[in-house]
Amino acid sequence: MSTVTKETNATNVFNIFNVWGNNVKVLERIEEQSLQVIDKQKEWINSTSQQLNEFENYSKKVTTEWKNNVQEGLAKNPKIYSEGNFTEWVNKLEEIGHISQKLAFSPAKSSLEILAKSHANFESLYLNALDQQQKSRDQFFKPFESANEQLKQSQEKLFKPFEDAAEQIKQAQENFLKSFELPTPAK
């Protein structure tokens, strides 16, 4: 049997196994891309939380600056300041500003905390699932590889007599044809 025929037979027999192995590689790429998406989501959640905290801190700072500016203005104009207890009034306004800011930011912060916890739980579950899939693949592949090697050896033993017979027939044909050839004259 020719080398091409041997390779064709081997290819045909193991083609199913190669397709299955390629599908596993595709699954592994999908798993890797899913992990990248999970990381990007985590980055987005963390970035959004950080931006919200920065905005809240800035808002508190602006409220405090407003209070200080009002107090400075009142200190410069004693007539307005003497007509009432404006310091207490300004302090109450600052307190109201901080409370309203807290109320405004609380739902968003709580939502982000819930989202972050849910995302962390999802990531953990997904990683556990990937780990279990990998263990299952490993458990399947070990006997599969052994069976694959046995199949390959069996195929070689099965086809060896045919290959030998084909080679003998080929040699016999070549010898038979050579017997009819006329010797080429020497120059």
N, C-alpha and C. Protein backbone atom coordinates (compact mmCIF):
# COMPACT_ATOMS: atom_id res chain seq x y z
N MET A 1 0.85 -1.17 0.00
CA MET A 1 0.00 0.00 0.00
C MET A 1 0.90 1.23 0.00
N SER A 2 0.54 2.22 -0.72
CA SER A 2 1.38 3.40 -0.83
C SER A 2 1.29 4.24 0.44
N THR A 3 2.24 5.15 0.57
CA THR A 3 2.29 6.05 1.73
C THR A 3 1.04 6.92 1.78
N VAL A 4 0.59 7.36 0.62
CA VAL A 4 -0.60 8.21 0.56
C VAL A 4 -1.80 7.45 1.09
N THR A 5 -1.94 6.17 0.71
CA THR A 5 -3.06 5.37 1.18
C THR A 5 -3.00 5.17 2.68
N LYS A 6 -1.81 4.94 3.23
CA LYS A 6 -1.65 4.78 4.68
C LYS A 6 -2.09 6.05 5.39
N GLU A 7 -1.66 7.18 4.88
CA GLU A 7 -2.01 8.45 5.50
C GLU A 7 -3.51 8.71 5.40
N THR A 8 -4.11 8.34 4.27
CA THR A 8 -5.55 8.53 4.08
C THR A 8 -6.32 7.66 5.06
N ASN A 9 -5.90 6.40 5.21
CA ASN A 9 -6.58 5.51 6.16
C ASN A 9 -6.48 6.06 7.58
N ALA A 10 -5.29 6.48 7.97
CA ALA A 10 -5.11 7.02 9.31
C ALA A 10 -5.96 8.27 9.51
N THR A 11 -6.00 9.10 8.49
CA THR A 11 -6.78 10.34 8.58
C THR A 11 -8.26 10.02 8.72
N ASN A 12 -8.76 9.09 7.93
CA ASN A 12 -10.18 8.75 7.99
C ASN A 12 -10.57 8.16 9.34
N VAL A 13 -9.72 7.31 9.87
CA VAL A 13 -10.05 6.66 11.14
C VAL A 13 -10.07 7.66 12.28
N PHE A 14 -9.14 8.60 12.28
CA PHE A 14 -9.02 9.52 13.41
C PHE A 14 -9.69 10.87 13.18
N ASN A 15 -10.37 11.03 12.06
CA ASN A 15 -11.00 12.30 11.75
C ASN A 15 -12.03 12.70 12.80
N ILE A 16 -12.82 11.74 13.26
CA ILE A 16 -13.84 12.02 14.29
C ILE A 16 -13.17 12.52 15.56
N PHE A 17 -12.07 11.90 15.94
CA PHE A 17 -11.38 12.30 17.16
C PHE A 17 -10.80 13.70 17.02
N ASN A 18 -10.30 14.02 15.84
CA ASN A 18 -9.75 15.36 15.61
C ASN A 18 -10.83 16.42 15.68
N VAL A 19 -12.00 16.13 15.11
CA VAL A 19 -13.11 17.08 15.16
C VAL A 19 -13.50 17.32 16.62
N TRP A 20 -13.60 16.26 17.38
CA TRP A 20 -13.97 16.39 18.79
C TRP A 20 -12.91 17.22 19.53
N GLY A 21 -11.65 16.95 19.27
CA GLY A 21 -10.57 17.70 19.91
C GLY A 21 -10.61 19.18 19.53
N ASN A 22 -10.93 19.47 18.28
CA ASN A 22 -11.04 20.87 17.85
C ASN A 22 -12.21 21.56 18.54
N ASN A 23 -13.30 20.83 18.74
CA ASN A 23 -14.45 21.41 19.45
C ASN A 23 -14.07 21.75 20.88
N VAL A 24 -13.26 20.94 21.50
CA VAL A 24 -12.79 21.23 22.86
C VAL A 24 -11.96 22.51 22.85
N LYS A 25 -11.12 22.67 21.85
CA LYS A 25 -10.30 23.89 21.75
C LYS A 25 -11.19 25.12 21.58
N VAL A 26 -12.24 25.01 20.79
CA VAL A 26 -13.18 26.12 20.61
C VAL A 26 -13.84 26.45 21.95
N LEU A 27 -14.25 25.43 22.68
CA LEU A 27 -14.85 25.64 24.01
C LEU A 27 -13.88 26.35 24.94
N GLU A 28 -12.63 25.96 24.90
CA GLU A 28 -11.63 26.59 25.76
C GLU A 28 -11.43 28.06 25.39
N ARG A 29 -11.49 28.37 24.08
CA ARG A 29 -11.39 29.79 23.67
C ARG A 29 -12.60 30.58 24.15
N ILE A 30 -13.78 29.97 24.08
CA ILE A 30 -15.00 30.63 24.56
C ILE A 30 -14.89 30.87 26.06
N GLU A 31 -14.39 29.89 26.79
CA GLU A 31 -14.22 30.04 28.23
C GLU A 31 -13.26 31.20 28.53
N GLU A 32 -12.17 31.26 27.79
CA GLU A 32 -11.18 32.32 27.99
C GLU A 32 -11.79 33.69 27.70
N GLN A 33 -12.55 33.80 26.62
CA GLN A 33 -13.19 35.07 26.28
C GLN A 33 -14.24 35.44 27.33
N SER A 34 -14.95 34.46 27.86
CA SER A 34 -15.93 34.73 28.91
C SER A 34 -15.24 35.28 30.15
N LEU A 35 -14.10 34.73 30.49
CA LEU A 35 -13.34 35.25 31.64
C LEU A 35 -12.89 36.68 31.40
N GLN A 36 -12.52 36.99 30.17
CA GLN A 36 -12.13 38.37 29.84
C GLN A 36 -13.32 39.32 29.99
N VAL A 37 -14.50 38.88 29.58
CA VAL A 37 -15.71 39.70 29.73
C VAL A 37 -16.01 39.91 31.21
N ILE A 38 -15.87 38.87 32.01
CA ILE A 38 -16.12 38.98 33.45
C ILE A 38 -15.15 39.99 34.06
N ASP A 39 -13.90 39.95 33.66
CA ASP A 39 -12.91 40.91 34.16
C ASP A 39 -13.27 42.34 33.75
N LYS A 40 -13.71 42.52 32.51
CA LYS A 40 -14.10 43.86 32.04
C LYS A 40 -15.30 44.37 32.84
N GLN A 41 -16.25 43.48 33.13
CA GLN A 41 -17.42 43.89 33.93
C GLN A 41 -16.99 44.30 35.33
N LYS A 42 -16.07 43.54 35.91
CA LYS A 42 -15.58 43.87 37.24
C LYS A 42 -14.89 45.24 37.23
N GLU A 43 -14.08 45.49 36.20
CA GLU A 43 -13.42 46.79 36.07
C GLU A 43 -14.45 47.91 35.97
N TRP A 44 -15.52 47.69 35.19
CA TRP A 44 -16.56 48.71 35.03
C TRP A 44 -17.25 48.99 36.36
N ILE A 45 -17.58 47.94 37.09
CA ILE A 45 -18.25 48.11 38.39
C ILE A 45 -17.34 48.88 39.34
N ASN A 46 -16.08 48.49 39.42
CA ASN A 46 -15.14 49.18 40.31
C ASN A 46 -14.94 50.63 39.89
N SER A 47 -14.83 50.87 38.60
CA SER A 47 -14.64 52.23 38.11
C SER A 47 -15.86 53.10 38.41
N THR A 48 -17.04 52.55 38.19
CA THR A 48 -18.27 53.29 38.46
C THR A 48 -18.40 53.60 39.95
N SER A 49 -18.07 52.63 40.80
CA SER A 49 -18.11 52.87 42.25
C SER A 49 -17.13 53.96 42.65
N GLN A 50 -15.95 53.90 42.08
CA GLN A 50 -14.93 54.91 42.38
C GLN A 50 -15.39 56.30 41.94
N GLN A 51 -15.96 56.39 40.75
CA GLN A 51 -16.44 57.67 40.26
C GLN A 51 -17.58 58.21 41.12
N LEU A 52 -18.47 57.33 41.54
CA LEU A 52 -19.58 57.74 42.40
C LEU A 52 -19.06 58.26 43.74
N ASN A 53 -18.09 57.57 44.31
CA ASN A 53 -17.49 58.03 45.58
C ASN A 53 -16.80 59.38 45.40
N GLU A 54 -16.08 59.54 44.30
CA GLU A 54 -15.42 60.82 44.04
C GLU A 54 -16.44 61.94 43.88
N PHE A 55 -17.54 61.65 43.19
CA PHE A 55 -18.58 62.65 42.99
C PHE A 55 -19.24 63.01 44.33
N GLU A 56 -19.48 62.01 45.15
CA GLU A 56 -20.08 62.26 46.46
C GLU A 56 -19.14 63.12 47.32
N ASN A 57 -17.87 62.78 47.34
CA ASN A 57 -16.89 63.57 48.11
C ASN A 57 -16.80 65.01 47.59
N TYR A 58 -16.84 65.16 46.29
CA TYR A 58 -16.80 66.50 45.71
C TYR A 58 -18.04 67.29 46.10
N SER A 59 -19.17 66.64 46.08
CA SER A 59 -20.42 67.29 46.46
C SER A 59 -20.38 67.75 47.91
N LYS A 60 -19.85 66.91 48.79
CA LYS A 60 -19.71 67.30 50.20
C LYS A 60 -18.76 68.49 50.34
N LYS A 61 -17.70 68.45 49.57
CA LYS A 61 -16.72 69.53 49.60
C LYS A 61 -17.36 70.85 49.16
N VAL A 62 -18.15 70.80 48.09
CA VAL A 62 -18.82 72.00 47.59
C VAL A 62 -19.79 72.55 48.64
N THR A 63 -20.52 71.67 49.32
CA THR A 63 -21.46 72.10 50.36
C THR A 63 -20.71 72.77 51.51
N THR A 64 -19.61 72.17 51.91
CA THR A 64 -18.81 72.74 53.00
C THR A 64 -18.22 74.08 52.59
N GLU A 65 -17.73 74.19 51.36
CA GLU A 65 -17.20 75.45 50.86
C GLU A 65 -18.29 76.53 50.83
N TRP A 66 -19.49 76.12 50.42
CA TRP A 66 -20.61 77.07 50.40
C TRP A 66 -20.87 77.61 51.79
N LYS A 67 -20.88 76.72 52.79
CA LYS A 67 -21.11 77.13 54.18
C LYS A 67 -20.03 78.11 54.62
N ASN A 68 -18.78 77.78 54.33
CA ASN A 68 -17.67 78.66 54.72
C ASN A 68 -17.78 80.02 54.04
N ASN A 69 -18.15 80.02 52.76
CA ASN A 69 -18.31 81.29 52.05
C ASN A 69 -19.44 82.13 52.64
N VAL A 70 -20.54 81.49 53.00
CA VAL A 70 -21.65 82.23 53.62
C VAL A 70 -21.22 82.81 54.96
N GLN A 71 -20.50 82.00 55.77
CA GLN A 71 -20.06 82.48 57.08
C GLN A 71 -19.09 83.66 56.92
N GLU A 72 -18.19 83.56 55.93
CA GLU A 72 -17.26 84.68 55.68
C GLU A 72 -18.03 85.93 55.26
N GLY A 73 -19.03 85.75 54.41
CA GLY A 73 -19.84 86.89 53.98
C GLY A 73 -20.60 87.52 55.14
N LEU A 74 -21.10 86.67 56.02
CA LEU A 74 -21.83 87.20 57.19
C LEU A 74 -20.88 87.90 58.15
N ALA A 75 -19.69 87.37 58.26
CA ALA A 75 -18.72 88.00 59.16
C ALA A 75 -18.32 89.37 58.63
N LYS A 76 -18.32 89.55 57.33
CA LYS A 76 -17.96 90.84 56.73
C LYS A 76 -19.11 91.85 56.82
N ASN A 77 -20.31 91.36 56.98
CA ASN A 77 -21.46 92.24 57.07
C ASN A 77 -22.15 92.01 58.42
N PRO A 78 -21.69 92.64 59.47
CA PRO A 78 -22.20 92.38 60.81
C PRO A 78 -23.68 92.75 60.96
N LYS A 79 -24.22 93.63 60.14
CA LYS A 79 -25.62 94.03 60.27
C LYS A 79 -26.53 92.83 60.02
N ILE A 80 -26.24 92.04 58.96
CA ILE A 80 -27.06 90.86 58.66
C ILE A 80 -26.85 89.81 59.75
N TYR A 81 -25.64 89.68 60.17
CA TYR A 81 -25.30 88.65 61.16
C TYR A 81 -25.97 88.96 62.50
N SER A 82 -26.11 90.21 62.86
CA SER A 82 -26.67 90.56 64.15
C SER A 82 -28.19 90.43 64.18
N GLU A 83 -28.83 90.36 63.03
CA GLU A 83 -30.28 90.28 62.98
C GLU A 83 -30.81 88.88 63.27
N GLY A 84 -30.02 87.90 63.40
CA GLY A 84 -30.50 86.55 63.70
C GLY A 84 -29.34 85.61 63.87
N ASN A 85 -29.67 84.42 64.24
CA ASN A 85 -28.64 83.41 64.46
C ASN A 85 -28.37 82.70 63.13
N PHE A 86 -27.65 83.38 62.27
CA PHE A 86 -27.38 82.84 60.93
C PHE A 86 -26.40 81.67 60.96
N THR A 87 -25.52 81.63 61.94
CA THR A 87 -24.55 80.52 62.02
C THR A 87 -25.30 79.21 62.21
N GLU A 88 -26.28 79.22 63.07
CA GLU A 88 -27.07 78.00 63.29
C GLU A 88 -27.83 77.64 62.01
N TRP A 89 -28.37 78.68 61.37
CA TRP A 89 -29.12 78.47 60.13
C TRP A 89 -28.20 77.89 59.05
N VAL A 90 -26.99 78.41 58.90
CA VAL A 90 -26.02 77.92 57.91
C VAL A 90 -25.61 76.49 58.23
N ASN A 91 -25.38 76.20 59.51
CA ASN A 91 -25.02 74.84 59.93
C ASN A 91 -26.14 73.86 59.59
N LYS A 92 -27.38 74.28 59.80
CA LYS A 92 -28.53 73.42 59.48
C LYS A 92 -28.61 73.20 57.96
N LEU A 93 -28.36 74.27 57.20
CA LEU A 93 -28.36 74.10 55.74
C LEU A 93 -27.27 73.13 55.28
N GLU A 94 -26.10 73.23 55.91
CA GLU A 94 -25.03 72.29 55.56
C GLU A 94 -25.44 70.87 55.90
N GLU A 95 -26.03 70.68 57.06
CA GLU A 95 -26.48 69.36 57.49
C GLU A 95 -27.53 68.81 56.52
N ILE A 96 -28.47 69.69 56.13
CA ILE A 96 -29.50 69.28 55.17
C ILE A 96 -28.85 68.89 53.84
N GLY A 97 -27.84 69.68 53.41
CA GLY A 97 -27.13 69.37 52.17
C GLY A 97 -26.45 68.01 52.23
N HIS A 98 -25.79 67.72 53.34
CA HIS A 98 -25.11 66.42 53.47
C HIS A 98 -26.11 65.27 53.52
N ILE A 99 -27.21 65.47 54.23
CA ILE A 99 -28.23 64.41 54.32
C ILE A 99 -28.86 64.17 52.95
N SER A 100 -29.18 65.25 52.23
CA SER A 100 -29.78 65.08 50.90
C SER A 100 -28.79 64.41 49.94
N GLN A 101 -27.51 64.73 50.07
CA GLN A 101 -26.51 64.07 49.24
C GLN A 101 -26.44 62.58 49.57
N LYS A 102 -26.48 62.28 50.85
CA LYS A 102 -26.43 60.87 51.27
C LYS A 102 -27.64 60.13 50.72
N LEU A 103 -28.82 60.79 50.81
CA LEU A 103 -30.03 60.16 50.28
C LEU A 103 -29.95 60.00 48.76
N ALA A 104 -29.35 60.95 48.10
CA ALA A 104 -29.24 60.89 46.64
C ALA A 104 -28.27 59.79 46.20
N PHE A 105 -27.18 59.62 46.94
CA PHE A 105 -26.16 58.66 46.52
C PHE A 105 -26.40 57.24 47.05
N SER A 106 -27.17 57.11 48.11
CA SER A 106 -27.38 55.79 48.73
C SER A 106 -27.95 54.75 47.77
N PRO A 107 -29.01 55.06 47.01
CA PRO A 107 -29.53 54.01 46.11
C PRO A 107 -28.50 53.55 45.08
N ALA A 108 -27.77 54.51 44.52
CA ALA A 108 -26.77 54.13 43.51
C ALA A 108 -25.66 53.31 44.14
N LYS A 109 -25.20 53.73 45.32
CA LYS A 109 -24.14 52.97 45.99
C LYS A 109 -24.62 51.57 46.37
N SER A 110 -25.85 51.50 46.89
CA SER A 110 -26.40 50.19 47.25
C SER A 110 -26.54 49.30 46.02
N SER A 111 -27.02 49.89 44.95
CA SER A 111 -27.16 49.11 43.71
C SER A 111 -25.82 48.60 43.22
N LEU A 112 -24.81 49.46 43.27
CA LEU A 112 -23.47 49.04 42.84
C LEU A 112 -22.89 47.97 43.77
N GLU A 113 -23.15 48.09 45.06
CA GLU A 113 -22.68 47.06 46.00
C GLU A 113 -23.35 45.73 45.71
N ILE A 114 -24.66 45.76 45.45
CA ILE A 114 -25.39 44.53 45.12
C ILE A 114 -24.85 43.96 43.80
N LEU A 115 -24.65 44.84 42.83
CA LEU A 115 -24.11 44.40 41.54
C LEU A 115 -22.72 43.79 41.71
N ALA A 116 -21.89 44.42 42.52
CA ALA A 116 -20.53 43.90 42.74
C ALA A 116 -20.58 42.53 43.42
N LYS A 117 -21.45 42.39 44.42
CA LYS A 117 -21.57 41.09 45.11
C LYS A 117 -22.12 40.02 44.17
N SER A 118 -23.15 40.39 43.39
CA SER A 118 -23.71 39.44 42.44
C SER A 118 -22.66 39.03 41.41
N HIS A 119 -21.91 40.01 40.95
CA HIS A 119 -20.86 39.73 39.97
C HIS A 119 -19.79 38.82 40.56
N ALA A 120 -19.41 39.09 41.80
CA ALA A 120 -18.40 38.24 42.46
C ALA A 120 -18.93 36.81 42.62
N ASN A 121 -20.20 36.67 42.98
CA ASN A 121 -20.80 35.33 43.11
C ASN A 121 -20.84 34.63 41.76
N PHE A 122 -21.25 35.38 40.73
CA PHE A 122 -21.30 34.80 39.39
C PHE A 122 -19.91 34.36 38.94
N GLU A 123 -18.92 35.22 39.17
CA GLU A 123 -17.55 34.89 38.78
C GLU A 123 -17.07 33.63 39.49
N SER A 124 -17.37 33.54 40.77
CA SER A 124 -16.97 32.37 41.55
C SER A 124 -17.65 31.10 41.01
N LEU A 125 -18.95 31.19 40.77
CA LEU A 125 -19.68 30.03 40.22
C LEU A 125 -19.14 29.64 38.84
N TYR A 126 -18.87 30.65 38.03
CA TYR A 126 -18.37 30.37 36.68
C TYR A 126 -17.00 29.71 36.73
N LEU A 127 -16.13 30.22 37.60
CA LEU A 127 -14.80 29.62 37.73
C LEU A 127 -14.89 28.19 38.25
N ASN A 128 -15.80 27.95 39.19
CA ASN A 128 -16.00 26.58 39.69
C ASN A 128 -16.51 25.67 38.57
N ALA A 129 -17.44 26.19 37.76
CA ALA A 129 -17.96 25.39 36.65
C ALA A 129 -16.86 25.07 35.65
N LEU A 130 -16.02 26.06 35.35
CA LEU A 130 -14.90 25.82 34.43
C LEU A 130 -13.95 24.78 34.99
N ASP A 131 -13.70 24.87 36.29
CA ASP A 131 -12.81 23.90 36.93
C ASP A 131 -13.41 22.50 36.82
N GLN A 132 -14.71 22.38 37.06
CA GLN A 132 -15.36 21.07 36.97
C GLN A 132 -15.33 20.55 35.53
N GLN A 133 -15.55 21.44 34.56
CA GLN A 133 -15.48 21.01 33.16
C GLN A 133 -14.09 20.53 32.81
N GLN A 134 -13.08 21.24 33.29
CA GLN A 134 -11.71 20.84 33.01
C GLN A 134 -11.41 19.47 33.62
N LYS A 135 -11.87 19.27 34.84
CA LYS A 135 -11.67 17.96 35.49
C LYS A 135 -12.37 16.86 34.70
N SER A 136 -13.59 17.15 34.24
CA SER A 136 -14.34 16.16 33.45
C SER A 136 -13.62 15.86 32.14
N ARG A 137 -13.12 16.90 31.49
CA ARG A 137 -12.37 16.68 30.24
C ARG A 137 -11.13 15.85 30.50
N ASP A 138 -10.42 16.19 31.58
CA ASP A 138 -9.21 15.44 31.92
C ASP A 138 -9.54 13.97 32.18
N GLN A 139 -10.64 13.74 32.92
CA GLN A 139 -11.03 12.36 33.21
C GLN A 139 -11.40 11.62 31.93
N PHE A 140 -12.02 12.33 31.01
CA PHE A 140 -12.42 11.69 29.76
C PHE A 140 -11.22 11.45 28.86
N PHE A 141 -10.32 12.42 28.80
CA PHE A 141 -9.20 12.34 27.86
C PHE A 141 -8.21 11.24 28.24
N LYS A 142 -7.98 11.00 29.51
CA LYS A 142 -6.99 9.98 29.88
C LYS A 142 -7.35 8.62 29.29
N PRO A 143 -8.54 8.10 29.53
CA PRO A 143 -8.86 6.81 28.89
C PRO A 143 -8.99 6.95 27.37
N PHE A 144 -9.44 8.10 26.92
CA PHE A 144 -9.59 8.34 25.48
C PHE A 144 -8.23 8.26 24.80
N GLU A 145 -7.22 8.88 25.40
CA GLU A 145 -5.88 8.85 24.81
C GLU A 145 -5.34 7.43 24.78
N SER A 146 -5.60 6.68 25.83
CA SER A 146 -5.15 5.29 25.88
C SER A 146 -5.88 4.47 24.81
N ALA A 147 -7.20 4.67 24.73
CA ALA A 147 -7.97 3.94 23.72
C ALA A 147 -7.55 4.36 22.31
N ASN A 148 -7.27 5.62 22.15
CA ASN A 148 -6.84 6.14 20.85
C ASN A 148 -5.53 5.48 20.43
N GLU A 149 -4.59 5.35 21.36
CA GLU A 149 -3.31 4.72 21.06
C GLU A 149 -3.50 3.24 20.73
N GLN A 150 -4.37 2.57 21.49
CA GLN A 150 -4.65 1.16 21.21
C GLN A 150 -5.30 0.99 19.84
N LEU A 151 -6.20 1.92 19.50
CA LEU A 151 -6.85 1.86 18.20
C LEU A 151 -5.84 2.05 17.08
N LYS A 152 -4.93 2.98 17.29
CA LYS A 152 -3.90 3.24 16.29
C LYS A 152 -3.03 1.99 16.09
N GLN A 153 -2.63 1.37 17.19
CA GLN A 153 -1.81 0.16 17.09
C GLN A 153 -2.58 -0.98 16.43
N SER A 154 -3.85 -1.11 16.78
CA SER A 154 -4.68 -2.15 16.17
C SER A 154 -4.82 -1.92 14.67
N GLN A 155 -5.02 -0.65 14.30
CA GLN A 155 -5.15 -0.31 12.89
C GLN A 155 -3.87 -0.68 12.15
N GLU A 156 -2.73 -0.35 12.74
CA GLU A 156 -1.46 -0.67 12.09
C GLU A 156 -1.31 -2.18 11.92
N LYS A 157 -1.67 -2.96 12.96
CA LYS A 157 -1.59 -4.42 12.87
C LYS A 157 -2.57 -4.96 11.84
N LEU A 158 -3.76 -4.35 11.77
CA LEU A 158 -4.78 -4.81 10.84
C LEU A 158 -4.37 -4.56 9.40
N PHE A 159 -3.84 -3.38 9.14
CA PHE A 159 -3.50 -3.02 7.77
C PHE A 159 -2.12 -3.52 7.33
N LYS A 160 -1.28 -3.93 8.26
CA LYS A 160 0.08 -4.37 7.92
C LYS A 160 0.09 -5.51 6.90
N PRO A 161 -0.71 -6.58 7.10
CA PRO A 161 -0.68 -7.65 6.08
C PRO A 161 -1.14 -7.17 4.70
N PHE A 162 -2.14 -6.26 4.70
CA PHE A 162 -2.61 -5.75 3.41
C PHE A 162 -1.55 -4.87 2.75
N GLU A 163 -0.89 -4.07 3.57
CA GLU A 163 0.17 -3.22 3.04
C GLU A 163 1.31 -4.07 2.49
N ASP A 164 1.67 -5.12 3.26
CA ASP A 164 2.74 -6.02 2.79
C ASP A 164 2.34 -6.72 1.48
N ALA A 165 1.08 -7.19 1.44
CA ALA A 165 0.59 -7.87 0.24
C ALA A 165 0.57 -6.91 -0.94
N ALA A 166 0.13 -5.68 -0.71
CA ALA A 166 0.09 -4.68 -1.78
C ALA A 166 1.50 -4.39 -2.27
N GLU A 167 2.44 -4.31 -1.37
CA GLU A 167 3.83 -4.05 -1.76
C GLU A 167 4.38 -5.23 -2.57
N GLN A 168 4.05 -6.46 -2.15
CA GLN A 168 4.51 -7.64 -2.88
C GLN A 168 3.90 -7.68 -4.29
N ILE A 169 2.61 -7.32 -4.37
CA ILE A 169 1.95 -7.31 -5.68
C ILE A 169 2.59 -6.26 -6.57
N LYS A 170 2.87 -5.12 -6.00
CA LYS A 170 3.50 -4.04 -6.75
C LYS A 170 4.87 -4.50 -7.26
N GLN A 171 5.65 -5.14 -6.39
CA GLN A 171 6.97 -5.64 -6.80
C GLN A 171 6.83 -6.69 -7.90
N ALA A 172 5.82 -7.57 -7.71
CA ALA A 172 5.63 -8.62 -8.72
C ALA A 172 5.25 -8.02 -10.06
N GLN A 173 4.39 -6.98 -10.05
CA GLN A 173 4.00 -6.32 -11.29
C GLN A 173 5.22 -5.67 -11.95
N GLU A 174 6.01 -4.99 -11.15
CA GLU A 174 7.20 -4.33 -11.69
C GLU A 174 8.15 -5.37 -12.29
N ASN A 175 8.35 -6.48 -11.56
CA ASN A 175 9.23 -7.55 -12.08
C ASN A 175 8.67 -8.16 -13.36
N PHE A 176 7.34 -8.36 -13.37
CA PHE A 176 6.71 -8.95 -14.54
C PHE A 176 6.89 -8.04 -15.75
N LEU A 177 6.68 -6.72 -15.54
CA LEU A 177 6.82 -5.77 -16.64
C LEU A 177 8.27 -5.67 -17.09
N LYS A 178 9.18 -5.77 -16.16
CA LYS A 178 10.60 -5.71 -16.52
C LYS A 178 11.00 -6.91 -17.36
N SER A 179 10.33 -8.01 -17.13
CA SER A 179 10.71 -9.21 -17.89
C SER A 179 10.37 -9.07 -19.37
N PHE A 180 9.44 -8.18 -19.72
CA PHE A 180 9.09 -7.95 -21.11
C PHE A 180 9.90 -6.82 -21.74
N GLU A 181 10.64 -6.12 -20.98
CA GLU A 181 11.41 -5.02 -21.53
C GLU A 181 12.61 -5.57 -22.29
N LEU A 182 12.89 -4.91 -23.36
CA LEU A 182 14.07 -5.27 -24.14
C LEU A 182 15.25 -4.52 -23.56
N PRO A 183 16.36 -5.19 -23.52
CA PRO A 183 17.54 -4.48 -23.00
C PRO A 183 17.88 -3.33 -23.92
N THR A 184 18.29 -2.27 -23.35
CA THR A 184 18.68 -1.11 -24.13
C THR A 184 20.10 -1.33 -24.61
N PRO A 185 20.33 -1.07 -25.89
CA PRO A 185 21.67 -1.28 -26.44
C PRO A 185 22.68 -0.30 -25.85
N ALA A 186 23.84 -0.78 -25.62
CA ALA A 186 24.91 0.04 -25.08
C ALA A 186 25.49 0.87 -26.21
N LYS A 187 25.85 2.07 -25.98
CA LYS A 187 26.41 2.94 -26.99
C LYS A 187 27.88 2.91 -26.98
